[in-house]
Amino acid sequence: MKQKNNLQLTEGSTYKITSLGTKDTPVVTSGIFKGYSVVGNMDAICMELDKSHKELNGKIRIILTHMVMHIDIVKAKEATEEKKPEESVFYR
């Protein structure tokens, strides 16, 4: 059986991301992956928060990639064509 080795985060997919938080408590983020970004010179993941975040529902959370401990795939969407650089999201 040939194994696919092209697993990637896809826009519109639902993920649960656990990242570094305080000394004793990690930060858990549930929601829809909106894309990648850059904060300073660090790569980041942009997530639209779901209703489990109560009053933050619908807000965008930016998680620095080096802070990610693990990612659970809740509901994956099929990957589409890659965006052109001018269509990318960029936060400063």
PDB file of N, CA and C in Angstrom:
ATOM      1  N   MET A   1       0.843  -1.176   0.000  1.00  0.00           N
ATOM      2  CA  MET A   1       0.000   0.000   0.000  1.00  0.00           C
ATOM      3  C   MET A   1       0.884   1.233   0.000  1.00  0.00           C
ATOM      4  N   LYS A   2       0.651   2.127  -0.943  1.00  0.00           N
ATOM      5  CA  LYS A   2       1.424   3.356  -1.035  1.00  0.00           C
ATOM      6  C   LYS A   2       0.849   4.389  -0.066  1.00  0.00           C
ATOM      7  N   GLN A   3       1.702   4.957   0.755  1.00  0.00           N
ATOM      8  CA  GLN A   3       1.272   5.927   1.764  1.00  0.00           C
ATOM      9  C   GLN A   3       1.454   7.346   1.235  1.00  0.00           C
ATOM     10  N   LYS A   4       0.419   8.176   1.394  1.00  0.00           N
ATOM     11  CA  LYS A   4       0.533   9.591   1.057  1.00  0.00           C
ATOM     12  C   LYS A   4       1.328  10.283   2.141  1.00  0.00           C
ATOM     13  N   ASN A   5       2.265  11.111   1.732  1.00  0.00           N
ATOM     14  CA  ASN A   5       3.091  11.805   2.706  1.00  0.00           C
ATOM     15  C   ASN A   5       2.989  13.321   2.523  1.00  0.00           C
ATOM     16  N   ASN A   6       1.800  13.795   2.129  1.00  0.00           N
ATOM     17  CA  ASN A   6       1.627  15.217   1.876  1.00  0.00           C
ATOM     18  C   ASN A   6       0.620  15.849   2.835  1.00  0.00           C
ATOM     19  N   LEU A   7       0.620  15.406   4.077  1.00  0.00           N
ATOM     20  CA  LEU A   7      -0.296  15.957   5.075  1.00  0.00           C
ATOM     21  C   LEU A   7       0.042  17.419   5.315  1.00  0.00           C
ATOM     22  N   GLN A   8      -0.979  18.271   5.245  1.00  0.00           N
ATOM     23  CA  GLN A   8      -0.776  19.696   5.444  1.00  0.00           C
ATOM     24  C   GLN A   8      -2.027  20.312   6.062  1.00  0.00           C
ATOM     25  N   LEU A   9      -1.874  21.464   6.696  1.00  0.00           N
ATOM     26  CA  LEU A   9      -3.030  22.194   7.190  1.00  0.00           C
ATOM     27  C   LEU A   9      -3.729  22.810   5.982  1.00  0.00           C
ATOM     28  N   THR A  10      -5.043  22.636   5.909  1.00  0.00           N
ATOM     29  CA  THR A  10      -5.795  23.175   4.779  1.00  0.00           C
ATOM     30  C   THR A  10      -6.804  24.208   5.270  1.00  0.00           C
ATOM     31  N   GLU A  11      -6.907  25.307   4.523  1.00  0.00           N
ATOM     32  CA  GLU A  11      -7.847  26.365   4.891  1.00  0.00           C
ATOM     33  C   GLU A  11      -9.261  25.825   4.903  1.00  0.00           C
ATOM     34  N   GLY A  12     -10.018  26.201   5.927  1.00  0.00           N
ATOM     35  CA  GLY A  12     -11.396  25.755   6.071  1.00  0.00           C
ATOM     36  C   GLY A  12     -11.535  24.489   6.888  1.00  0.00           C
ATOM     37  N   SER A  13     -10.426  23.817   7.200  1.00  0.00           N
ATOM     38  CA  SER A  13     -10.468  22.619   8.042  1.00  0.00           C
ATOM     39  C   SER A  13     -10.578  23.017   9.503  1.00  0.00           C
ATOM     40  N   THR A  14     -11.124  22.123  10.307  1.00  0.00           N
ATOM     41  CA  THR A  14     -11.285  22.371  11.737  1.00  0.00           C
ATOM     42  C   THR A  14     -10.201  21.626  12.502  1.00  0.00           C
ATOM     43  N   TYR A  15      -9.506  22.345  13.374  1.00  0.00           N
ATOM     44  CA  TYR A  15      -8.413  21.774  14.161  1.00  0.00           C
ATOM     45  C   TYR A  15      -8.554  22.165  15.628  1.00  0.00           C
ATOM     46  N   LYS A  16      -7.931  21.359  16.471  1.00  0.00           N
ATOM     47  CA  LYS A  16      -7.792  21.676  17.892  1.00  0.00           C
ATOM     48  C   LYS A  16      -6.288  21.716  18.143  1.00  0.00           C
ATOM     49  N   ILE A  17      -5.787  22.903  18.464  1.00  0.00           N
ATOM     50  CA  ILE A  17      -4.348  23.105  18.625  1.00  0.00           C
ATOM     51  C   ILE A  17      -4.021  23.353  20.087  1.00  0.00           C
ATOM     52  N   THR A  18      -3.063  22.608  20.594  1.00  0.00           N
ATOM     53  CA  THR A  18      -2.564  22.827  21.947  1.00  0.00           C
ATOM     54  C   THR A  18      -1.197  23.479  21.811  1.00  0.00           C
ATOM     55  N   SER A  19      -1.045  24.641  22.457  1.00  0.00           N
ATOM     56  CA  SER A  19       0.209  25.378  22.365  1.00  0.00           C
ATOM     57  C   SER A  19       0.683  25.780  23.758  1.00  0.00           C
ATOM     58  N   LEU A  20       1.932  26.203  23.825  1.00  0.00           N
ATOM     59  CA  LEU A  20       2.506  26.614  25.106  1.00  0.00           C
ATOM     60  C   LEU A  20       1.765  27.827  25.643  1.00  0.00           C
ATOM     61  N   GLY A  21       1.475  27.792  26.924  1.00  0.00           N
ATOM     62  CA  GLY A  21       0.791  28.899  27.591  1.00  0.00           C
ATOM     63  C   GLY A  21       1.609  29.306  28.801  1.00  0.00           C
ATOM     64  N   THR A  22       0.991  29.206  29.961  1.00  0.00           N
ATOM     65  CA  THR A  22       1.720  29.514  31.197  1.00  0.00           C
ATOM     66  C   THR A  22       2.560  28.314  31.594  1.00  0.00           C
ATOM     67  N   LYS A  23       3.288  28.441  32.668  1.00  0.00           N
ATOM     68  CA  LYS A  23       4.178  27.373  33.141  1.00  0.00           C
ATOM     69  C   LYS A  23       3.435  26.043  33.334  1.00  0.00           C
ATOM     70  N   ASP A  24       2.229  26.106  33.868  1.00  0.00           N
ATOM     71  CA  ASP A  24       1.495  24.888  34.195  1.00  0.00           C
ATOM     72  C   ASP A  24       0.326  24.572  33.271  1.00  0.00           C
ATOM     73  N   THR A  25      -0.105  25.515  32.450  1.00  0.00           N
ATOM     74  CA  THR A  25      -1.317  25.325  31.658  1.00  0.00           C
ATOM     75  C   THR A  25      -1.085  25.663  30.189  1.00  0.00           C
ATOM     76  N   PRO A  26      -1.322  24.681  29.299  1.00  0.00           N
ATOM     77  CA  PRO A  26      -1.226  24.990  27.866  1.00  0.00           C
ATOM     78  C   PRO A  26      -2.467  25.749  27.395  1.00  0.00           C
ATOM     79  N   VAL A  27      -2.374  26.357  26.215  1.00  0.00           N
ATOM     80  CA  VAL A  27      -3.511  27.044  25.602  1.00  0.00           C
ATOM     81  C   VAL A  27      -4.114  26.102  24.573  1.00  0.00           C
ATOM     82  N   VAL A  28      -5.431  25.879  24.657  1.00  0.00           N
ATOM     83  CA  VAL A  28      -6.126  25.031  23.692  1.00  0.00           C
ATOM     84  C   VAL A  28      -6.970  25.931  22.791  1.00  0.00           C
ATOM     85  N   THR A  29      -6.769  25.805  21.483  1.00  0.00           N
ATOM     86  CA  THR A  29      -7.478  26.607  20.492  1.00  0.00           C
ATOM     87  C   THR A  29      -8.258  25.675  19.589  1.00  0.00           C
ATOM     88  N   SER A  30      -9.581  25.882  19.494  1.00  0.00           N
ATOM     89  CA  SER A  30     -10.431  25.093  18.608  1.00  0.00           C
ATOM     90  C   SER A  30     -11.051  26.030  17.591  1.00  0.00           C
ATOM     91  N   GLY A  31     -11.037  25.598  16.332  1.00  0.00           N
ATOM     92  CA  GLY A  31     -11.656  26.433  15.326  1.00  0.00           C
ATOM     93  C   GLY A  31     -11.243  26.072  13.920  1.00  0.00           C
ATOM     94  N   ILE A  32     -11.449  27.023  13.017  1.00  0.00           N
ATOM     95  CA  ILE A  32     -11.210  26.827  11.591  1.00  0.00           C
ATOM     96  C   ILE A  32      -9.897  27.481  11.201  1.00  0.00           C
ATOM     97  N   PHE A  33      -9.051  26.728  10.511  1.00  0.00           N
ATOM     98  CA  PHE A  33      -7.776  27.235  10.034  1.00  0.00           C
ATOM     99  C   PHE A  33      -8.015  28.213   8.896  1.00  0.00           C
ATOM    100  N   LYS A  34      -7.510  29.445   9.053  1.00  0.00           N
ATOM    101  CA  LYS A  34      -7.712  30.498   8.056  1.00  0.00           C
ATOM    102  C   LYS A  34      -6.479  30.742   7.195  1.00  0.00           C
ATOM    103  N   GLY A  35      -5.316  30.280   7.617  1.00  0.00           N
ATOM    104  CA  GLY A  35      -4.106  30.462   6.833  1.00  0.00           C
ATOM    105  C   GLY A  35      -2.906  30.734   7.712  1.00  0.00           C
ATOM    106  N   TYR A  36      -1.807  31.044   7.046  1.00  0.00           N
ATOM    107  CA  TYR A  36      -0.557  31.347   7.739  1.00  0.00           C
ATOM    108  C   TYR A  36      -0.319  32.846   7.741  1.00  0.00           C
ATOM    109  N   SER A  37       0.531  33.279   8.664  1.00  0.00           N
ATOM    110  CA  SER A  37       0.886  34.681   8.754  1.00  0.00           C
ATOM    111  C   SER A  37       2.325  34.785   9.241  1.00  0.00           C
ATOM    112  N   VAL A  38       2.802  35.993   9.347  1.00  0.00           N
ATOM    113  CA  VAL A  38       4.131  36.260   9.895  1.00  0.00           C
ATOM    114  C   VAL A  38       3.977  37.347  10.941  1.00  0.00           C
ATOM    115  N   VAL A  39       4.577  37.129  12.096  1.00  0.00           N
ATOM    116  CA  VAL A  39       4.602  38.130  13.162  1.00  0.00           C
ATOM    117  C   VAL A  39       6.077  38.452  13.387  1.00  0.00           C
ATOM    118  N   GLY A  40       6.493  39.635  12.983  1.00  0.00           N
ATOM    119  CA  GLY A  40       7.916  39.959  13.011  1.00  0.00           C
ATOM    120  C   GLY A  40       8.622  39.069  12.009  1.00  0.00           C
ATOM    121  N   ASN A  41       9.520  38.224  12.497  1.00  0.00           N
ATOM    122  CA  ASN A  41      10.192  37.272  11.622  1.00  0.00           C
ATOM    123  C   ASN A  41       9.811  35.825  11.950  1.00  0.00           C
ATOM    124  N   MET A  42       8.675  35.644  12.644  1.00  0.00           N
ATOM    125  CA  MET A  42       8.236  34.317  13.059  1.00  0.00           C
ATOM    126  C   MET A  42       6.959  33.905  12.317  1.00  0.00           C
ATOM    127  N   ASP A  43       6.905  32.642  11.894  1.00  0.00           N
ATOM    128  CA  ASP A  43       5.729  32.110  11.228  1.00  0.00           C
ATOM    129  C   ASP A  43       4.624  31.889  12.249  1.00  0.00           C
ATOM    130  N   ALA A  44       3.376  32.011  11.786  1.00  0.00           N
ATOM    131  CA  ALA A  44       2.236  31.847  12.676  1.00  0.00           C
ATOM    132  C   ALA A  44       1.076  31.180  11.950  1.00  0.00           C
ATOM    133  N   ILE A  45       0.166  30.619  12.730  1.00  0.00           N
ATOM    134  CA  ILE A  45      -1.049  29.977  12.240  1.00  0.00           C
ATOM    135  C   ILE A  45      -2.229  30.852  12.653  1.00  0.00           C
ATOM    136  N   CYS A  46      -3.157  31.125  11.727  1.00  0.00           N
ATOM    137  CA  CYS A  46      -4.340  31.937  12.024  1.00  0.00           C
ATOM    138  C   CYS A  46      -5.553  31.026  12.153  1.00  0.00           C
ATOM    139  N   MET A  47      -6.230  31.108  13.285  1.00  0.00           N
ATOM    140  CA  MET A  47      -7.407  30.273  13.557  1.00  0.00           C
ATOM    141  C   MET A  47      -8.603  31.148  13.884  1.00  0.00           C
ATOM    142  N   GLU A  48      -9.751  30.838  13.272  1.00  0.00           N
ATOM    143  CA  GLU A  48     -11.008  31.488  13.641  1.00  0.00           C
ATOM    144  C   GLU A  48     -11.603  30.662  14.775  1.00  0.00           C
ATOM    145  N   LEU A  49     -11.748  31.280  15.935  1.00  0.00           N
ATOM    146  CA  LEU A  49     -12.190  30.560  17.130  1.00  0.00           C
ATOM    147  C   LEU A  49     -13.642  30.123  17.017  1.00  0.00           C
ATOM    148  N   ASP A  50     -13.937  28.916  17.548  1.00  0.00           N
ATOM    149  CA  ASP A  50     -15.309  28.402  17.515  1.00  0.00           C
ATOM    150  C   ASP A  50     -16.059  28.763  18.797  1.00  0.00           C
ATOM    151  N   LYS A  51     -17.292  28.260  18.918  1.00  0.00           N
ATOM    152  CA  LYS A  51     -18.152  28.641  20.043  1.00  0.00           C
ATOM    153  C   LYS A  51     -17.656  28.142  21.399  1.00  0.00           C
ATOM    154  N   SER A  52     -16.697  27.214  21.426  1.00  0.00           N
ATOM    155  CA  SER A  52     -16.155  26.758  22.711  1.00  0.00           C
ATOM    156  C   SER A  52     -15.356  27.866  23.402  1.00  0.00           C
ATOM    157  N   HIS A  53     -15.035  28.917  22.673  1.00  0.00           N
ATOM    158  CA  HIS A  53     -14.294  30.053  23.225  1.00  0.00           C
ATOM    159  C   HIS A  53     -15.219  31.175  23.701  1.00  0.00           C
ATOM    160  N   LYS A  54     -16.510  30.877  23.768  1.00  0.00           N
ATOM    161  CA  LYS A  54     -17.555  31.785  24.270  1.00  0.00           C
ATOM    162  C   LYS A  54     -17.517  33.158  23.619  1.00  0.00           C
ATOM    163  N   GLU A  55     -17.184  34.219  24.373  1.00  0.00           N
ATOM    164  CA  GLU A  55     -17.272  35.578  23.833  1.00  0.00           C
ATOM    165  C   GLU A  55     -16.230  35.852  22.740  1.00  0.00           C
ATOM    166  N   LEU A  56     -15.250  34.991  22.578  1.00  0.00           N
ATOM    167  CA  LEU A  56     -14.250  35.153  21.520  1.00  0.00           C
ATOM    168  C   LEU A  56     -14.647  34.426  20.226  1.00  0.00           C
ATOM    169  N   ASN A  57     -15.823  33.802  20.219  1.00  0.00           N
ATOM    170  CA  ASN A  57     -16.302  33.078  19.036  1.00  0.00           C
ATOM    171  C   ASN A  57     -16.231  33.976  17.795  1.00  0.00           C
ATOM    172  N   GLY A  58     -15.612  33.458  16.730  1.00  0.00           N
ATOM    173  CA  GLY A  58     -15.510  34.212  15.484  1.00  0.00           C
ATOM    174  C   GLY A  58     -14.280  35.100  15.374  1.00  0.00           C
ATOM    175  N   LYS A  59     -13.585  35.323  16.481  1.00  0.00           N
ATOM    176  CA  LYS A  59     -12.366  36.143  16.456  1.00  0.00           C
ATOM    177  C   LYS A  59     -11.212  35.309  15.886  1.00  0.00           C
ATOM    178  N   ILE A  60     -10.179  35.987  15.398  1.00  0.00           N
ATOM    179  CA  ILE A  60      -9.002  35.308  14.862  1.00  0.00           C
ATOM    180  C   ILE A  60      -7.921  35.253  15.936  1.00  0.00           C
ATOM    181  N   ARG A  61      -7.358  34.062  16.155  1.00  0.00           N
ATOM    182  CA  ARG A  61      -6.219  33.895  17.064  1.00  0.00           C
ATOM    183  C   ARG A  61      -4.998  33.553  16.215  1.00  0.00           C
ATOM    184  N   ILE A  62      -3.901  34.239  16.478  1.00  0.00           N
ATOM    185  CA  ILE A  62      -2.648  33.983  15.778  1.00  0.00           C
ATOM    186  C   ILE A  62      -1.727  33.250  16.742  1.00  0.00           C
ATOM    187  N   ILE A  63      -1.289  32.052  16.337  1.00  0.00           N
ATOM    188  CA  ILE A  63      -0.445  31.205  17.179  1.00  0.00           C
ATOM    189  C   ILE A  63       0.921  31.065  16.512  1.00  0.00           C
ATOM    190  N   LEU A  64       1.974  31.472  17.191  1.00  0.00           N
ATOM    191  CA  LEU A  64       3.319  31.308  16.649  1.00  0.00           C
ATOM    192  C   LEU A  64       3.623  29.812  16.511  1.00  0.00           C
ATOM    193  N   THR A  65       4.157  29.417  15.366  1.00  0.00           N
ATOM    194  CA  THR A  65       4.341  27.990  15.094  1.00  0.00           C
ATOM    195  C   THR A  65       5.300  27.320  16.079  1.00  0.00           C
ATOM    196  N   HIS A  66       6.276  28.034  16.583  1.00  0.00           N
ATOM    197  CA  HIS A  66       7.208  27.401  17.521  1.00  0.00           C
ATOM    198  C   HIS A  66       6.570  27.153  18.894  1.00  0.00           C
ATOM    199  N   MET A  67       5.355  27.676  19.123  1.00  0.00           N
ATOM    200  CA  MET A  67       4.645  27.457  20.385  1.00  0.00           C
ATOM    201  C   MET A  67       3.719  26.234  20.338  1.00  0.00           C
ATOM    202  N   VAL A  68       3.495  25.668  19.145  1.00  0.00           N
ATOM    203  CA  VAL A  68       2.558  24.553  18.978  1.00  0.00           C
ATOM    204  C   VAL A  68       3.139  23.272  19.570  1.00  0.00           C
ATOM    205  N   MET A  69       2.338  22.608  20.427  1.00  0.00           N
ATOM    206  CA  MET A  69       2.733  21.324  21.005  1.00  0.00           C
ATOM    207  C   MET A  69       2.160  20.176  20.177  1.00  0.00           C
ATOM    208  N   HIS A  70       0.867  20.272  19.838  1.00  0.00           N
ATOM    209  CA  HIS A  70       0.275  19.283  18.946  1.00  0.00           C
ATOM    210  C   HIS A  70      -1.009  19.813  18.327  1.00  0.00           C
ATOM    211  N   ILE A  71      -1.381  19.180  17.202  1.00  0.00           N
ATOM    212  CA  ILE A  71      -2.574  19.577  16.450  1.00  0.00           C
ATOM    213  C   ILE A  71      -3.438  18.348  16.229  1.00  0.00           C
ATOM    214  N   ASP A  72      -4.706  18.438  16.632  1.00  0.00           N
ATOM    215  CA  ASP A  72      -5.682  17.381  16.371  1.00  0.00           C
ATOM    216  C   ASP A  72      -6.521  17.795  15.173  1.00  0.00           C
ATOM    217  N   ILE A  73      -6.661  16.894  14.199  1.00  0.00           N
ATOM    218  CA  ILE A  73      -7.495  17.165  13.035  1.00  0.00           C
ATOM    219  C   ILE A  73      -8.917  16.745  13.384  1.00  0.00           C
ATOM    220  N   VAL A  74      -9.823  17.729  13.462  1.00  0.00           N
ATOM    221  CA  VAL A  74     -11.211  17.454  13.815  1.00  0.00           C
ATOM    222  C   VAL A  74     -12.021  17.151  12.558  1.00  0.00           C
ATOM    223  N   LYS A  75     -11.883  18.018  11.551  1.00  0.00           N
ATOM    224  CA  LYS A  75     -12.590  17.841  10.283  1.00  0.00           C
ATOM    225  C   LYS A  75     -11.729  18.437   9.181  1.00  0.00           C
ATOM    226  N   ALA A  76     -11.214  17.577   8.306  1.00  0.00           N
ATOM    227  CA  ALA A  76     -10.311  18.038   7.255  1.00  0.00           C
ATOM    228  C   ALA A  76     -11.056  18.296   5.955  1.00  0.00           C
ATOM    229  N   LYS A  77     -10.647  19.355   5.275  1.00  0.00           N
ATOM    230  CA  LYS A  77     -11.145  19.656   3.932  1.00  0.00           C
ATOM    231  C   LYS A  77     -10.060  19.282   2.948  1.00  0.00           C
ATOM    232  N   GLU A  78     -10.468  18.997   1.729  1.00  0.00           N
ATOM    233  CA  GLU A  78      -9.522  18.670   0.669  1.00  0.00           C
ATOM    234  C   GLU A  78      -8.697  19.906   0.323  1.00  0.00           C
ATOM    235  N   ALA A  79      -7.395  19.718   0.110  1.00  0.00           N
ATOM    236  CA  ALA A  79      -6.522  20.832  -0.259  1.00  0.00           C
ATOM    237  C   ALA A  79      -6.894  21.349  -1.639  1.00  0.00           C
ATOM    238  N   THR A  80      -6.871  22.671  -1.801  1.00  0.00           N
ATOM    239  CA  THR A  80      -7.142  23.292  -3.097  1.00  0.00           C
ATOM    240  C   THR A  80      -5.835  23.847  -3.643  1.00  0.00           C
ATOM    241  N   GLU A  81      -5.905  24.496  -4.784  1.00  0.00           N
ATOM    242  CA  GLU A  81      -4.700  25.084  -5.360  1.00  0.00           C
ATOM    243  C   GLU A  81      -4.100  26.093  -4.400  1.00  0.00           C
ATOM    244  N   GLU A  82      -2.783  26.206  -4.450  1.00  0.00           N
ATOM    245  CA  GLU A  82      -2.106  27.157  -3.576  1.00  0.00           C
ATOM    246  C   GLU A  82      -2.411  28.583  -4.001  1.00  0.00           C
ATOM    247  N   LYS A  83      -2.466  29.478  -3.024  1.00  0.00           N
ATOM    248  CA  LYS A  83      -2.706  30.894  -3.302  1.00  0.00           C
ATOM    249  C   LYS A  83      -1.465  31.530  -3.897  1.00  0.00           C
ATOM    250  N   LYS A  84      -1.690  32.544  -4.687  1.00  0.00           N
ATOM    251  CA  LYS A  84      -0.592  33.355  -5.184  1.00  0.00           C
ATOM    252  C   LYS A  84      -0.124  34.250  -4.042  1.00  0.00           C
ATOM    253  N   PRO A  85       1.159  34.639  -4.029  1.00  0.00           N
ATOM    254  CA  PRO A  85       1.667  35.469  -2.912  1.00  0.00           C
ATOM    255  C   PRO A  85       0.847  36.730  -2.651  1.00  0.00           C
ATOM    256  N   GLU A  86       0.309  37.369  -3.694  1.00  0.00           N
ATOM    257  CA  GLU A  86      -0.437  38.603  -3.474  1.00  0.00           C
ATOM    258  C   GLU A  86      -1.789  38.356  -2.811  1.00  0.00           C
ATOM    259  N   GLU A  87      -2.242  37.089  -2.742  1.00  0.00           N
ATOM    260  CA  GLU A  87      -3.509  36.762  -2.093  1.00  0.00           C
ATOM    261  C   GLU A  87      -3.309  36.328  -0.646  1.00  0.00           C
ATOM    262  N   SER A  88      -2.069  36.233  -0.203  1.00  0.00           N
ATOM    263  CA  SER A  88      -1.770  35.765   1.136  1.00  0.00           C
ATOM    264  C   SER A  88      -2.150  36.801   2.180  1.00  0.00           C
ATOM    265  N   VAL A  89      -2.424  36.324   3.394  1.00  0.00           N
ATOM    266  CA  VAL A  89      -2.739  37.206   4.517  1.00  0.00           C
ATOM    267  C   VAL A  89      -1.427  37.567   5.205  1.00  0.00           C
ATOM    268  N   PHE A  90      -1.265  38.827   5.556  1.00  0.00           N
ATOM    269  CA  PHE A  90      -0.056  39.273   6.218  1.00  0.00           C
ATOM    270  C   PHE A  90      -0.429  40.245   7.334  1.00  0.00           C
ATOM    271  N   TYR A  91      -0.025  39.934   8.563  1.00  0.00           N
ATOM    272  CA  TYR A  91      -0.274  40.801   9.719  1.00  0.00           C
ATOM    273  C   TYR A  91       1.036  41.393  10.177  1.00  0.00           C
ATOM    274  N   ARG A  92       1.012  42.607  10.609  1.00  0.00           N
ATOM    275  CA  ARG A  92       2.208  43.250  11.159  1.00  0.00           C
ATOM    276  C   ARG A  92       1.929  43.765  12.534  1.00  0.00           C
TER     277      ARG A  92
END
